[in-house]
Amino acid sequence: YEDAKAFTYYPERTGQLFNVLRFLVKTMCVENHDEQRQAWE
């Protein structure tokens, strides 16, 4: 409960975007992981 004071979660900022994050990570990273890794390397 003391540790919780170091970070405040604001649901109005990203609460609606929880499933969007899943969707974007899938399309941006998971489905393109080979191309992403090769480019980053």
PDB file of all heavy atoms in Angstrom:
ATOM      1  N   TYR A   1       0.823  -1.210   0.000  1.00  0.00           N
ATOM      2  CA  TYR A   1       0.000   0.000   0.000  1.00  0.00           C
ATOM      3  C   TYR A   1       0.857   1.260   0.000  1.00  0.00           C
ATOM      4  O   TYR A   1       0.415   2.309  -0.478  1.00  0.00           O
ATOM      5  CB  TYR A   1      -0.973  -0.023   1.177  1.00  0.00           C
ATOM      6  CG  TYR A   1      -2.158  -0.937   0.918  1.00  0.00           C
ATOM      7  CD1 TYR A   1      -2.125  -2.284   1.287  1.00  0.00           C
ATOM      8  CD2 TYR A   1      -3.294  -0.483   0.281  1.00  0.00           C
ATOM      9  CE1 TYR A   1      -3.189  -3.135   1.030  1.00  0.00           C
ATOM     10  CE2 TYR A   1      -4.368  -1.312   0.025  1.00  0.00           C
ATOM     11  CZ  TYR A   1      -4.310  -2.635   0.394  1.00  0.00           C
ATOM     12  OH  TYR A   1      -5.372  -3.462   0.126  1.00  0.00           O
ATOM     13  N   GLU A   2       2.066   1.166   0.512  1.00  0.00           N
ATOM     14  CA  GLU A   2       3.011   2.291   0.422  1.00  0.00           C
ATOM     15  C   GLU A   2       3.597   2.362  -0.986  1.00  0.00           C
ATOM     16  O   GLU A   2       3.748   3.451  -1.551  1.00  0.00           O
ATOM     17  CB  GLU A   2       4.132   2.125   1.456  1.00  0.00           C
ATOM     18  CG  GLU A   2       3.698   2.367   2.891  1.00  0.00           C
ATOM     19  CD  GLU A   2       3.175   3.779   3.113  1.00  0.00           C
ATOM     20  OE1 GLU A   2       3.836   4.735   2.627  1.00  0.00           O
ATOM     21  OE2 GLU A   2       2.121   3.927   3.740  1.00  0.00           O
ATOM     22  N   ASP A   3       3.927   1.202  -1.552  1.00  0.00           N
ATOM     23  CA  ASP A   3       4.485   1.161  -2.904  1.00  0.00           C
ATOM     24  C   ASP A   3       3.502   1.731  -3.932  1.00  0.00           C
ATOM     25  O   ASP A   3       3.911   2.319  -4.943  1.00  0.00           O
ATOM     26  CB  ASP A   3       4.840  -0.272  -3.295  1.00  0.00           C
ATOM     27  CG  ASP A   3       5.962  -0.847  -2.429  1.00  0.00           C
ATOM     28  OD1 ASP A   3       6.676  -0.057  -1.788  1.00  0.00           O
ATOM     29  OD2 ASP A   3       6.106  -2.087  -2.386  1.00  0.00           O
ATOM     30  N   ALA A   4       2.213   1.546  -3.668  1.00  0.00           N
ATOM     31  CA  ALA A   4       1.192   2.001  -4.616  1.00  0.00           C
ATOM     32  C   ALA A   4       1.210   3.514  -4.795  1.00  0.00           C
ATOM     33  O   ALA A   4       0.753   4.033  -5.825  1.00  0.00           O
ATOM     34  CB  ALA A   4      -0.190   1.556  -4.142  1.00  0.00           C
ATOM     35  N   LYS A   5       1.754   4.232  -3.826  1.00  0.00           N
ATOM     36  CA  LYS A   5       1.761   5.699  -3.898  1.00  0.00           C
ATOM     37  C   LYS A   5       2.726   6.220  -4.965  1.00  0.00           C
ATOM     38  O   LYS A   5       2.647   7.379  -5.358  1.00  0.00           O
ATOM     39  CB  LYS A   5       2.127   6.279  -2.536  1.00  0.00           C
ATOM     40  CG  LYS A   5       1.110   5.952  -1.437  1.00  0.00           C
ATOM     41  CD  LYS A   5       1.575   6.452  -0.080  1.00  0.00           C
ATOM     42  CE  LYS A   5       0.586   6.075   1.023  1.00  0.00           C
ATOM     43  NZ  LYS A   5       1.064   6.510   2.369  1.00  0.00           N
ATOM     44  N   ALA A   6       3.664   5.372  -5.425  1.00  0.00           N
ATOM     45  CA  ALA A   6       4.670   5.814  -6.406  1.00  0.00           C
ATOM     46  C   ALA A   6       4.118   5.853  -7.826  1.00  0.00           C
ATOM     47  O   ALA A   6       4.757   6.398  -8.730  1.00  0.00           O
ATOM     48  CB  ALA A   6       5.887   4.898  -6.346  1.00  0.00           C
ATOM     49  N   PHE A   7       2.947   5.265  -8.036  1.00  0.00           N
ATOM     50  CA  PHE A   7       2.378   5.205  -9.389  1.00  0.00           C
ATOM     51  C   PHE A   7       0.871   5.348  -9.290  1.00  0.00           C
ATOM     52  O   PHE A   7       0.226   4.638  -8.516  1.00  0.00           O
ATOM     53  CB  PHE A   7       2.729   3.868 -10.043  1.00  0.00           C
ATOM     54  CG  PHE A   7       2.177   3.681 -11.444  1.00  0.00           C
ATOM     55  CD1 PHE A   7       2.955   3.981 -12.554  1.00  0.00           C
ATOM     56  CD2 PHE A   7       0.898   3.195 -11.651  1.00  0.00           C
ATOM     57  CE1 PHE A   7       2.466   3.795 -13.840  1.00  0.00           C
ATOM     58  CE2 PHE A   7       0.398   3.003 -12.926  1.00  0.00           C
ATOM     59  CZ  PHE A   7       1.187   3.306 -14.032  1.00  0.00           C
ATOM     60  N   THR A   8       0.333   6.260 -10.062  1.00  0.00           N
ATOM     61  CA  THR A   8      -1.119   6.424 -10.113  1.00  0.00           C
ATOM     62  C   THR A   8      -1.613   6.021 -11.491  1.00  0.00           C
ATOM     63  O   THR A   8      -1.110   6.540 -12.504  1.00  0.00           O
ATOM     64  CB  THR A   8      -1.540   7.868  -9.810  1.00  0.00           C
ATOM     65  OG1 THR A   8      -1.106   8.217  -8.484  1.00  0.00           O
ATOM     66  CG2 THR A   8      -3.055   8.022  -9.889  1.00  0.00           C
ATOM     67  N   TYR A   9      -2.546   5.104 -11.517  1.00  0.00           N
ATOM     68  CA  TYR A   9      -3.116   4.654 -12.777  1.00  0.00           C
ATOM     69  C   TYR A   9      -4.322   5.526 -13.109  1.00  0.00           C
ATOM     70  O   TYR A   9      -5.216   5.709 -12.279  1.00  0.00           O
ATOM     71  CB  TYR A   9      -3.536   3.189 -12.673  1.00  0.00           C
ATOM     72  CG  TYR A   9      -4.075   2.621 -13.968  1.00  0.00           C
ATOM     73  CD1 TYR A   9      -3.206   2.220 -14.975  1.00  0.00           C
ATOM     74  CD2 TYR A   9      -5.440   2.507 -14.187  1.00  0.00           C
ATOM     75  CE1 TYR A   9      -3.684   1.711 -16.171  1.00  0.00           C
ATOM     76  CE2 TYR A   9      -5.927   2.001 -15.377  1.00  0.00           C
ATOM     77  CZ  TYR A   9      -5.045   1.602 -16.364  1.00  0.00           C
ATOM     78  OH  TYR A   9      -5.531   1.106 -17.561  1.00  0.00           O
ATOM     79  N   TYR A  10      -4.355   6.058 -14.325  1.00  0.00           N
ATOM     80  CA  TYR A  10      -5.459   6.903 -14.775  1.00  0.00           C
ATOM     81  C   TYR A  10      -6.270   6.131 -15.817  1.00  0.00           C
ATOM     82  O   TYR A  10      -5.894   6.096 -17.002  1.00  0.00           O
ATOM     83  CB  TYR A  10      -4.929   8.202 -15.379  1.00  0.00           C
ATOM     84  CG  TYR A  10      -4.205   9.092 -14.388  1.00  0.00           C
ATOM     85  CD1 TYR A  10      -2.821   9.003 -14.221  1.00  0.00           C
ATOM     86  CD2 TYR A  10      -4.906  10.017 -13.608  1.00  0.00           C
ATOM     87  CE1 TYR A  10      -2.153   9.813 -13.311  1.00  0.00           C
ATOM     88  CE2 TYR A  10      -4.249  10.831 -12.691  1.00  0.00           C
ATOM     89  CZ  TYR A  10      -2.872  10.718 -12.555  1.00  0.00           C
ATOM     90  OH  TYR A  10      -2.220  11.523 -11.639  1.00  0.00           O
ATOM     91  N   PRO A  11      -7.350   5.497 -15.409  1.00  0.00           N
ATOM     92  CA  PRO A  11      -8.119   4.664 -16.351  1.00  0.00           C
ATOM     93  C   PRO A  11      -8.674   5.452 -17.526  1.00  0.00           C
ATOM     94  O   PRO A  11      -8.876   4.897 -18.611  1.00  0.00           O
ATOM     95  CB  PRO A  11      -9.238   4.083 -15.477  1.00  0.00           C
ATOM     96  CG  PRO A  11      -9.306   4.961 -14.273  1.00  0.00           C
ATOM     97  CD  PRO A  11      -7.938   5.480 -14.054  1.00  0.00           C
ATOM     98  N   GLU A  12      -8.915   6.760 -17.332  1.00  0.00           N
ATOM     99  CA  GLU A  12      -9.461   7.550 -18.434  1.00  0.00           C
ATOM    100  C   GLU A  12      -8.451   7.727 -19.565  1.00  0.00           C
ATOM    101  O   GLU A  12      -8.822   8.076 -20.693  1.00  0.00           O
ATOM    102  CB  GLU A  12      -9.922   8.922 -17.926  1.00  0.00           C
ATOM    103  CG  GLU A  12      -8.826   9.845 -17.421  1.00  0.00           C
ATOM    104  CD  GLU A  12      -8.454   9.619 -15.961  1.00  0.00           C
ATOM    105  OE1 GLU A  12      -8.879   8.585 -15.403  1.00  0.00           O
ATOM    106  OE2 GLU A  12      -7.747  10.470 -15.394  1.00  0.00           O
ATOM    107  N   ARG A  13      -7.182   7.492 -19.319  1.00  0.00           N
ATOM    108  CA  ARG A  13      -6.155   7.668 -20.347  1.00  0.00           C
ATOM    109  C   ARG A  13      -6.024   6.452 -21.257  1.00  0.00           C
ATOM    110  O   ARG A  13      -5.901   6.590 -22.470  1.00  0.00           O
ATOM    111  CB  ARG A  13      -4.800   7.976 -19.697  1.00  0.00           C
ATOM    112  CG  ARG A  13      -4.767   9.309 -18.970  1.00  0.00           C
ATOM    113  CD  ARG A  13      -3.408   9.558 -18.315  1.00  0.00           C
ATOM    114  NE  ARG A  13      -3.399  10.808 -17.546  1.00  0.00           N
ATOM    115  CZ  ARG A  13      -2.384  11.221 -16.800  1.00  0.00           C
ATOM    116  NH1 ARG A  13      -1.274  10.491 -16.707  1.00  0.00           N
ATOM    117  NH2 ARG A  13      -2.466  12.364 -16.140  1.00  0.00           N
ATOM    118  N   THR A  14      -6.018   5.263 -20.681  1.00  0.00           N
ATOM    119  CA  THR A  14      -5.815   4.053 -21.498  1.00  0.00           C
ATOM    120  C   THR A  14      -6.814   2.943 -21.214  1.00  0.00           C
ATOM    121  O   THR A  14      -6.721   1.877 -21.824  1.00  0.00           O
ATOM    122  CB  THR A  14      -4.393   3.485 -21.274  1.00  0.00           C
ATOM    123  OG1 THR A  14      -4.241   3.157 -19.889  1.00  0.00           O
ATOM    124  CG2 THR A  14      -3.321   4.488 -21.675  1.00  0.00           C
ATOM    125  N   GLY A  15      -7.744   3.187 -20.289  1.00  0.00           N
ATOM    126  CA  GLY A  15      -8.691   2.123 -19.945  1.00  0.00           C
ATOM    127  C   GLY A  15      -9.450   1.599 -21.146  1.00  0.00           C
ATOM    128  O   GLY A  15      -9.698   0.394 -21.270  1.00  0.00           O
ATOM    129  N   GLN A  16      -9.823   2.502 -22.078  1.00  0.00           N
ATOM    130  CA  GLN A  16     -10.558   2.084 -23.273  1.00  0.00           C
ATOM    131  C   GLN A  16      -9.653   1.408 -24.299  1.00  0.00           C
ATOM    132  O   GLN A  16     -10.139   0.831 -25.278  1.00  0.00           O
ATOM    133  CB  GLN A  16     -11.214   3.300 -23.937  1.00  0.00           C
ATOM    134  CG  GLN A  16     -12.177   4.066 -23.064  1.00  0.00           C
ATOM    135  CD  GLN A  16     -12.704   5.289 -23.793  1.00  0.00           C
ATOM    136  OE1 GLN A  16     -13.369   5.176 -24.826  1.00  0.00           O
ATOM    137  NE2 GLN A  16     -12.411   6.468 -23.281  1.00  0.00           N
ATOM    138  N   LEU A  17      -8.332   1.500 -24.065  1.00  0.00           N
ATOM    139  CA  LEU A  17      -7.380   1.038 -25.070  1.00  0.00           C
ATOM    140  C   LEU A  17      -6.716  -0.286 -24.713  1.00  0.00           C
ATOM    141  O   LEU A  17      -5.750  -0.687 -25.367  1.00  0.00           O
ATOM    142  CB  LEU A  17      -6.301   2.116 -25.277  1.00  0.00           C
ATOM    143  CG  LEU A  17      -6.824   3.491 -25.705  1.00  0.00           C
ATOM    144  CD1 LEU A  17      -5.692   4.500 -25.778  1.00  0.00           C
ATOM    145  CD2 LEU A  17      -7.535   3.398 -27.055  1.00  0.00           C
ATOM    146  N   PHE A  18      -7.220  -0.968 -23.692  1.00  0.00           N
ATOM    147  CA  PHE A  18      -6.623  -2.230 -23.268  1.00  0.00           C
ATOM    148  C   PHE A  18      -6.650  -3.240 -24.405  1.00  0.00           C
ATOM    149  O   PHE A  18      -5.628  -3.852 -24.743  1.00  0.00           O
ATOM    150  CB  PHE A  18      -7.367  -2.762 -22.047  1.00  0.00           C
ATOM    151  CG  PHE A  18      -6.583  -3.754 -21.233  1.00  0.00           C
ATOM    152  CD1 PHE A  18      -5.643  -3.319 -20.312  1.00  0.00           C
ATOM    153  CD2 PHE A  18      -6.787  -5.114 -21.365  1.00  0.00           C
ATOM    154  CE1 PHE A  18      -4.919  -4.230 -19.540  1.00  0.00           C
ATOM    155  CE2 PHE A  18      -6.076  -6.035 -20.608  1.00  0.00           C
ATOM    156  CZ  PHE A  18      -5.141  -5.578 -19.687  1.00  0.00           C
ATOM    157  N   ASN A  19      -7.814  -3.417 -25.015  1.00  0.00           N
ATOM    158  CA  ASN A  19      -7.912  -4.360 -26.139  1.00  0.00           C
ATOM    159  C   ASN A  19      -7.234  -3.823 -27.392  1.00  0.00           C
ATOM    160  O   ASN A  19      -6.785  -4.600 -28.244  1.00  0.00           O
ATOM    161  CB  ASN A  19      -9.379  -4.678 -26.432  1.00  0.00           C
ATOM    162  CG  ASN A  19      -9.955  -5.663 -25.428  1.00  0.00           C
ATOM    163  OD1 ASN A  19      -9.252  -6.518 -24.914  1.00  0.00           O
ATOM    164  ND2 ASN A  19     -11.245  -5.525 -25.136  1.00  0.00           N
ATOM    165  N   VAL A  20      -7.148  -2.503 -27.506  1.00  0.00           N
ATOM    166  CA  VAL A  20      -6.426  -1.910 -28.631  1.00  0.00           C
ATOM    167  C   VAL A  20      -4.949  -2.281 -28.550  1.00  0.00           C
ATOM    168  O   VAL A  20      -4.313  -2.592 -29.562  1.00  0.00           O
ATOM    169  CB  VAL A  20      -6.607  -0.381 -28.654  1.00  0.00           C
ATOM    170  CG1 VAL A  20      -5.689   0.266 -29.688  1.00  0.00           C
ATOM    171  CG2 VAL A  20      -8.063  -0.025 -28.947  1.00  0.00           C
ATOM    172  N   LEU A  21      -4.380  -2.225 -27.330  1.00  0.00           N
ATOM    173  CA  LEU A  21      -2.987  -2.625 -27.155  1.00  0.00           C
ATOM    174  C   LEU A  21      -2.773  -4.061 -27.601  1.00  0.00           C
ATOM    175  O   LEU A  21      -1.796  -4.381 -28.289  1.00  0.00           O
ATOM    176  CB  LEU A  21      -2.571  -2.460 -25.692  1.00  0.00           C
ATOM    177  CG  LEU A  21      -2.095  -1.073 -25.261  1.00  0.00           C
ATOM    178  CD1 LEU A  21      -1.860  -1.035 -23.755  1.00  0.00           C
ATOM    179  CD2 LEU A  21      -0.815  -0.685 -25.996  1.00  0.00           C
ATOM    180  N   ARG A  22      -3.682  -4.939 -27.224  1.00  0.00           N
ATOM    181  CA  ARG A  22      -3.580  -6.329 -27.658  1.00  0.00           C
ATOM    182  C   ARG A  22      -3.608  -6.415 -29.190  1.00  0.00           C
ATOM    183  O   ARG A  22      -2.824  -7.138 -29.808  1.00  0.00           O
ATOM    184  CB  ARG A  22      -4.748  -7.135 -27.081  1.00  0.00           C
ATOM    185  CG  ARG A  22      -4.593  -7.512 -25.620  1.00  0.00           C
ATOM    186  CD  ARG A  22      -5.838  -8.200 -25.106  1.00  0.00           C
ATOM    187  NE  ARG A  22      -5.566  -8.888 -23.844  1.00  0.00           N
ATOM    188  CZ  ARG A  22      -6.504  -9.243 -22.966  1.00  0.00           C
ATOM    189  NH1 ARG A  22      -7.775  -8.977 -23.213  1.00  0.00           N
ATOM    190  NH2 ARG A  22      -6.180  -9.869 -21.853  1.00  0.00           N
ATOM    191  N   PHE A  23      -4.526  -5.682 -29.772  1.00  0.00           N
ATOM    192  CA  PHE A  23      -4.701  -5.698 -31.229  1.00  0.00           C
ATOM    193  C   PHE A  23      -3.456  -5.165 -31.926  1.00  0.00           C
ATOM    194  O   PHE A  23      -2.973  -5.749 -32.902  1.00  0.00           O
ATOM    195  CB  PHE A  23      -5.933  -4.855 -31.585  1.00  0.00           C
ATOM    196  CG  PHE A  23      -6.390  -4.984 -33.006  1.00  0.00           C
ATOM    197  CD1 PHE A  23      -7.251  -6.001 -33.372  1.00  0.00           C
ATOM    198  CD2 PHE A  23      -5.978  -4.084 -33.979  1.00  0.00           C
ATOM    199  CE1 PHE A  23      -7.688  -6.132 -34.681  1.00  0.00           C
ATOM    200  CE2 PHE A  23      -6.401  -4.194 -35.291  1.00  0.00           C
ATOM    201  CZ  PHE A  23      -7.265  -5.220 -35.647  1.00  0.00           C
ATOM    202  N   LEU A  24      -2.915  -4.051 -31.422  1.00  0.00           N
ATOM    203  CA  LEU A  24      -1.750  -3.434 -32.058  1.00  0.00           C
ATOM    204  C   LEU A  24      -0.493  -4.276 -31.882  1.00  0.00           C
ATOM    205  O   LEU A  24       0.316  -4.392 -32.813  1.00  0.00           O
ATOM    206  CB  LEU A  24      -1.530  -2.032 -31.490  1.00  0.00           C
ATOM    207  CG  LEU A  24      -2.578  -0.982 -31.870  1.00  0.00           C
ATOM    208  CD1 LEU A  24      -2.220   0.370 -31.275  1.00  0.00           C
ATOM    209  CD2 LEU A  24      -2.710  -0.867 -33.386  1.00  0.00           C
ATOM    210  N   VAL A  25      -0.300  -4.848 -30.703  1.00  0.00           N
ATOM    211  CA  VAL A  25       0.883  -5.689 -30.499  1.00  0.00           C
ATOM    212  C   VAL A  25       0.819  -6.905 -31.418  1.00  0.00           C
ATOM    213  O   VAL A  25       1.838  -7.339 -31.968  1.00  0.00           O
ATOM    214  CB  VAL A  25       1.006  -6.113 -29.019  1.00  0.00           C
ATOM    215  CG1 VAL A  25       2.124  -7.137 -28.846  1.00  0.00           C
ATOM    216  CG2 VAL A  25       1.285  -4.899 -28.141  1.00  0.00           C
ATOM    217  N   LYS A  26      -0.383  -7.416 -31.629  1.00  0.00           N
ATOM    218  CA  LYS A  26      -0.515  -8.567 -32.531  1.00  0.00           C
ATOM    219  C   LYS A  26      -0.135  -8.193 -33.954  1.00  0.00           C
ATOM    220  O   LYS A  26       0.649  -8.901 -34.607  1.00  0.00           O
ATOM    221  CB  LYS A  26      -1.947  -9.099 -32.491  1.00  0.00           C
ATOM    222  CG  LYS A  26      -2.162 -10.307 -33.402  1.00  0.00           C
ATOM    223  CD  LYS A  26      -3.583 -10.825 -33.304  1.00  0.00           C
ATOM    224  CE  LYS A  26      -3.765 -12.053 -34.197  1.00  0.00           C
ATOM    225  NZ  LYS A  26      -5.139 -12.603 -34.103  1.00  0.00           N
ATOM    226  N   THR A  27      -0.681  -7.076 -34.451  1.00  0.00           N
ATOM    227  CA  THR A  27      -0.431  -6.704 -35.842  1.00  0.00           C
ATOM    228  C   THR A  27       0.948  -6.098 -36.042  1.00  0.00           C
ATOM    229  O   THR A  27       1.589  -6.321 -37.081  1.00  0.00           O
ATOM    230  CB  THR A  27      -1.498  -5.706 -36.325  1.00  0.00           C
ATOM    231  OG1 THR A  27      -1.518  -4.565 -35.452  1.00  0.00           O
ATOM    232  CG2 THR A  27      -2.874  -6.353 -36.324  1.00  0.00           C
ATOM    233  N   MET A  28       1.414  -5.336 -35.063  1.00  0.00           N
ATOM    234  CA  MET A  28       2.680  -4.623 -35.188  1.00  0.00           C
ATOM    235  C   MET A  28       3.885  -5.502 -34.856  1.00  0.00           C
ATOM    236  O   MET A  28       4.954  -5.354 -35.441  1.00  0.00           O
ATOM    237  CB  MET A  28       2.653  -3.414 -34.242  1.00  0.00           C
ATOM    238  CG  MET A  28       3.889  -2.550 -34.253  1.00  0.00           C
ATOM    239  SD  MET A  28       3.674  -1.071 -33.213  1.00  0.00           S
ATOM    240  CE  MET A  28       3.622  -1.799 -31.573  1.00  0.00           C
ATOM    241  N   CYS A  29       3.675  -6.449 -33.914  1.00  0.00           N
ATOM    242  CA  CYS A  29       4.812  -7.226 -33.401  1.00  0.00           C
ATOM    243  C   CYS A  29       4.686  -8.728 -33.646  1.00  0.00           C
ATOM    244  O   CYS A  29       5.559  -9.334 -34.264  1.00  0.00           O
ATOM    245  CB  CYS A  29       4.970  -6.971 -31.900  1.00  0.00           C
ATOM    246  SG  CYS A  29       5.200  -5.224 -31.467  1.00  0.00           S
ATOM    247  N   VAL A  30       3.616  -9.339 -33.160  1.00  0.00           N
ATOM    248  CA  VAL A  30       3.506 -10.801 -33.205  1.00  0.00           C
ATOM    249  C   VAL A  30       3.457 -11.314 -34.642  1.00  0.00           C
ATOM    250  O   VAL A  30       4.222 -12.208 -35.031  1.00  0.00           O
ATOM    251  CB  VAL A  30       2.269 -11.277 -32.418  1.00  0.00           C
ATOM    252  CG1 VAL A  30       2.137 -12.806 -32.515  1.00  0.00           C
ATOM    253  CG2 VAL A  30       2.354 -10.851 -30.960  1.00  0.00           C
ATOM    254  N   GLU A  31       2.569 -10.730 -35.457  1.00  0.00           N
ATOM    255  CA  GLU A  31       2.404 -11.204 -36.839  1.00  0.00           C
ATOM    256  C   GLU A  31       3.582 -10.823 -37.732  1.00  0.00           C
ATOM    257  O   GLU A  31       3.760 -11.403 -38.811  1.00  0.00           O
ATOM    258  CB  GLU A  31       1.104 -10.641 -37.434  1.00  0.00           C
ATOM    259  CG  GLU A  31      -0.156 -11.091 -36.720  1.00  0.00           C
ATOM    260  CD  GLU A  31      -0.408 -12.583 -36.852  1.00  0.00           C
ATOM    261  OE1 GLU A  31       0.136 -13.198 -37.796  1.00  0.00           O
ATOM    262  OE2 GLU A  31      -1.135 -13.142 -36.016  1.00  0.00           O
ATOM    263  N   ASN A  32       4.359  -9.835 -37.311  1.00  0.00           N
ATOM    264  CA  ASN A  32       5.492  -9.373 -38.116  1.00  0.00           C
ATOM    265  C   ASN A  32       6.816  -9.534 -37.381  1.00  0.00           C
ATOM    266  O   ASN A  32       7.762  -8.786 -37.642  1.00  0.00           O
ATOM    267  CB  ASN A  32       5.295  -7.889 -38.476  1.00  0.00           C
ATOM    268  CG  ASN A  32       4.267  -7.675 -39.561  1.00  0.00           C
ATOM    269  OD1 ASN A  32       4.344  -8.296 -40.612  1.00  0.00           O
ATOM    270  ND2 ASN A  32       3.297  -6.822 -39.297  1.00  0.00           N
ATOM    271  N   HIS A  33       6.894 -10.516 -36.504  1.00  0.00           N
ATOM    272  CA  HIS A  33       8.070 -10.586 -35.638  1.00  0.00           C
ATOM    273  C   HIS A  33       9.357 -10.859 -36.423  1.00  0.00           C
ATOM    274  O   HIS A  33      10.414 -10.291 -36.109  1.00  0.00           O
ATOM    275  CB  HIS A  33       7.870 -11.644 -34.552  1.00  0.00           C
ATOM    276  CG  HIS A  33       8.772 -11.442 -33.381  1.00  0.00           C
ATOM    277  ND1 HIS A  33       9.396 -12.478 -32.719  1.00  0.00           N
ATOM    278  CD2 HIS A  33       9.178 -10.314 -32.746  1.00  0.00           C
ATOM    279  CE1 HIS A  33      10.132 -11.994 -31.732  1.00  0.00           C
ATOM    280  NE2 HIS A  33      10.007 -10.688 -31.722  1.00  0.00           N
ATOM    281  N   ASP A  34       9.297 -11.704 -37.417  1.00  0.00           N
ATOM    282  CA  ASP A  34      10.508 -11.991 -38.204  1.00  0.00           C
ATOM    283  C   ASP A  34      11.013 -10.735 -38.907  1.00  0.00           C
ATOM    284  O   ASP A  34      12.216 -10.407 -38.841  1.00  0.00           O
ATOM    285  CB  ASP A  34      10.225 -13.093 -39.229  1.00  0.00           C
ATOM    286  CG  ASP A  34      10.052 -14.453 -38.580  1.00  0.00           C
ATOM    287  OD1 ASP A  34      10.487 -14.615 -37.420  1.00  0.00           O
ATOM    288  OD2 ASP A  34       9.476 -15.344 -39.226  1.00  0.00           O
ATOM    289  N   GLU A  35      10.114 -10.031 -39.591  1.00  0.00           N
ATOM    290  CA  GLU A  35      10.507  -8.806 -40.297  1.00  0.00           C
ATOM    291  C   GLU A  35      10.966  -7.734 -39.314  1.00  0.00           C
ATOM    292  O   GLU A  35      11.931  -6.995 -39.595  1.00  0.00           O
ATOM    293  CB  GLU A  35       9.336  -8.275 -41.127  1.00  0.00           C
ATOM    294  CG  GLU A  35       8.971  -9.127 -42.327  1.00  0.00           C
ATOM    295  CD  GLU A  35       8.059 -10.294 -41.993  1.00  0.00           C
ATOM    296  OE1 GLU A  35       7.737 -10.469 -40.786  1.00  0.00           O
ATOM    297  OE2 GLU A  35       7.680 -11.030 -42.902  1.00  0.00           O
ATOM    298  N   GLN A  36      10.291  -7.653 -38.191  1.00  0.00           N
ATOM    299  CA  GLN A  36      10.655  -6.653 -37.183  1.00  0.00           C
ATOM    300  C   GLN A  36      12.055  -6.915 -36.628  1.00  0.00           C
ATOM    301  O   GLN A  36      12.880  -6.008 -36.508  1.00  0.00           O
ATOM    302  CB  GLN A  36       9.621  -6.693 -36.049  1.00  0.00           C
ATOM    303  CG  GLN A  36       9.809  -5.637 -34.980  1.00  0.00           C
ATOM    304  CD  GLN A  36       8.878  -5.873 -33.803  1.00  0.00           C
ATOM    305  OE1 GLN A  36       8.890  -6.935 -33.170  1.00  0.00           O
ATOM    306  NE2 GLN A  36       8.046  -4.875 -33.499  1.00  0.00           N
ATOM    307  N   ARG A  37      12.331  -8.173 -36.288  1.00  0.00           N
ATOM    308  CA  ARG A  37      13.645  -8.523 -35.737  1.00  0.00           C
ATOM    309  C   ARG A  37      14.757  -8.297 -36.758  1.00  0.00           C
ATOM    310  O   ARG A  37      15.846  -7.802 -36.420  1.00  0.00           O
ATOM    311  CB  ARG A  37      13.655  -9.978 -35.283  1.00  0.00           C
ATOM    312  CG  ARG A  37      12.816 -10.266 -34.053  1.00  0.00           C
ATOM    313  CD  ARG A  37      12.964 -11.719 -33.627  1.00  0.00           C
ATOM    314  NE  ARG A  37      14.338 -12.008 -33.219  1.00  0.00           N
ATOM    315  CZ  ARG A  37      14.798 -13.230 -33.005  1.00  0.00           C
ATOM    316  NH1 ARG A  37      14.015 -14.280 -33.173  1.00  0.00           N
ATOM    317  NH2 ARG A  37      16.046 -13.420 -32.632  1.00  0.00           N
ATOM    318  N   GLN A  38      14.495  -8.674 -37.999  1.00  0.00           N
ATOM    319  CA  GLN A  38      15.516  -8.501 -39.035  1.00  0.00           C
ATOM    320  C   GLN A  38      15.835  -7.031 -39.263  1.00  0.00           C
ATOM    321  O   GLN A  38      17.009  -6.640 -39.393  1.00  0.00           O
ATOM    322  CB  GLN A  38      15.030  -9.147 -40.342  1.00  0.00           C
ATOM    323  CG  GLN A  38      14.988 -10.666 -40.287  1.00  0.00           C
ATOM    324  CD  GLN A  38      14.201 -11.275 -41.425  1.00  0.00           C
ATOM    325  OE1 GLN A  38      13.818 -10.581 -42.372  1.00  0.00           O
ATOM    326  NE2 GLN A  38      13.945 -12.579 -41.353  1.00  0.00           N
ATOM    327  N   ALA A  39      14.795  -6.196 -39.274  1.00  0.00           N
ATOM    328  CA  ALA A  39      15.009  -4.762 -39.461  1.00  0.00           C
ATOM    329  C   ALA A  39      15.769  -4.170 -38.273  1.00  0.00           C
ATOM    330  O   ALA A  39      16.710  -3.387 -38.452  1.00  0.00           O
ATOM    331  CB  ALA A  39      13.670  -4.053 -39.643  1.00  0.00           C
ATOM    332  N   TRP A  40      15.362  -4.555 -37.071  1.00  0.00           N
ATOM    333  CA  TRP A  40      16.014  -4.034 -35.867  1.00  0.00           C
ATOM    334  C   TRP A  40      17.483  -4.475 -35.803  1.00  0.00           C
ATOM    335  O   TRP A  40      18.358  -3.691 -35.404  1.00  0.00           O
ATOM    336  CB  TRP A  40      15.245  -4.497 -34.645  1.00  0.00           C
ATOM    337  CG  TRP A  40      15.751  -4.005 -33.327  1.00  0.00           C
ATOM    338  CD1 TRP A  40      16.177  -4.755 -32.270  1.00  0.00           C
ATOM    339  CD2 TRP A  40      15.861  -2.637 -32.895  1.00  0.00           C
ATOM    340  NE1 TRP A  40      16.542  -3.960 -31.219  1.00  0.00           N
ATOM    341  CE2 TRP A  40      16.377  -2.648 -31.567  1.00  0.00           C
ATOM    342  CE3 TRP A  40      15.605  -1.412 -33.500  1.00  0.00           C
ATOM    343  CZ2 TRP A  40      16.613  -1.484 -30.848  1.00  0.00           C
ATOM    344  CZ3 TRP A  40      15.834  -0.249 -32.778  1.00  0.00           C
ATOM    345  CH2 TRP A  40      16.336  -0.295 -31.472  1.00  0.00           C
ATOM    346  N   GLU A  41      17.760  -5.698 -36.190  1.00  0.00           N
ATOM    347  CA  GLU A  41      19.140  -6.179 -36.186  1.00  0.00           C
ATOM    348  C   GLU A  41      20.006  -5.346 -37.127  1.00  0.00           C
ATOM    349  O   GLU A  41      21.125  -4.939 -36.777  1.00  0.00           O
ATOM    350  CB  GLU A  41      19.181  -7.648 -36.606  1.00  0.00           C
ATOM    351  CG  GLU A  41      20.593  -8.227 -36.646  1.00  0.00           C
ATOM    352  CD  GLU A  41      20.618  -9.686 -37.068  1.00  0.00           C
ATOM    353  OE1 GLU A  41      19.544 -10.249 -37.382  1.00  0.00           O
ATOM    354  OE2 GLU A  41      21.726 -10.264 -37.077  1.00  0.00           O
TER     355      GLU A  41
END
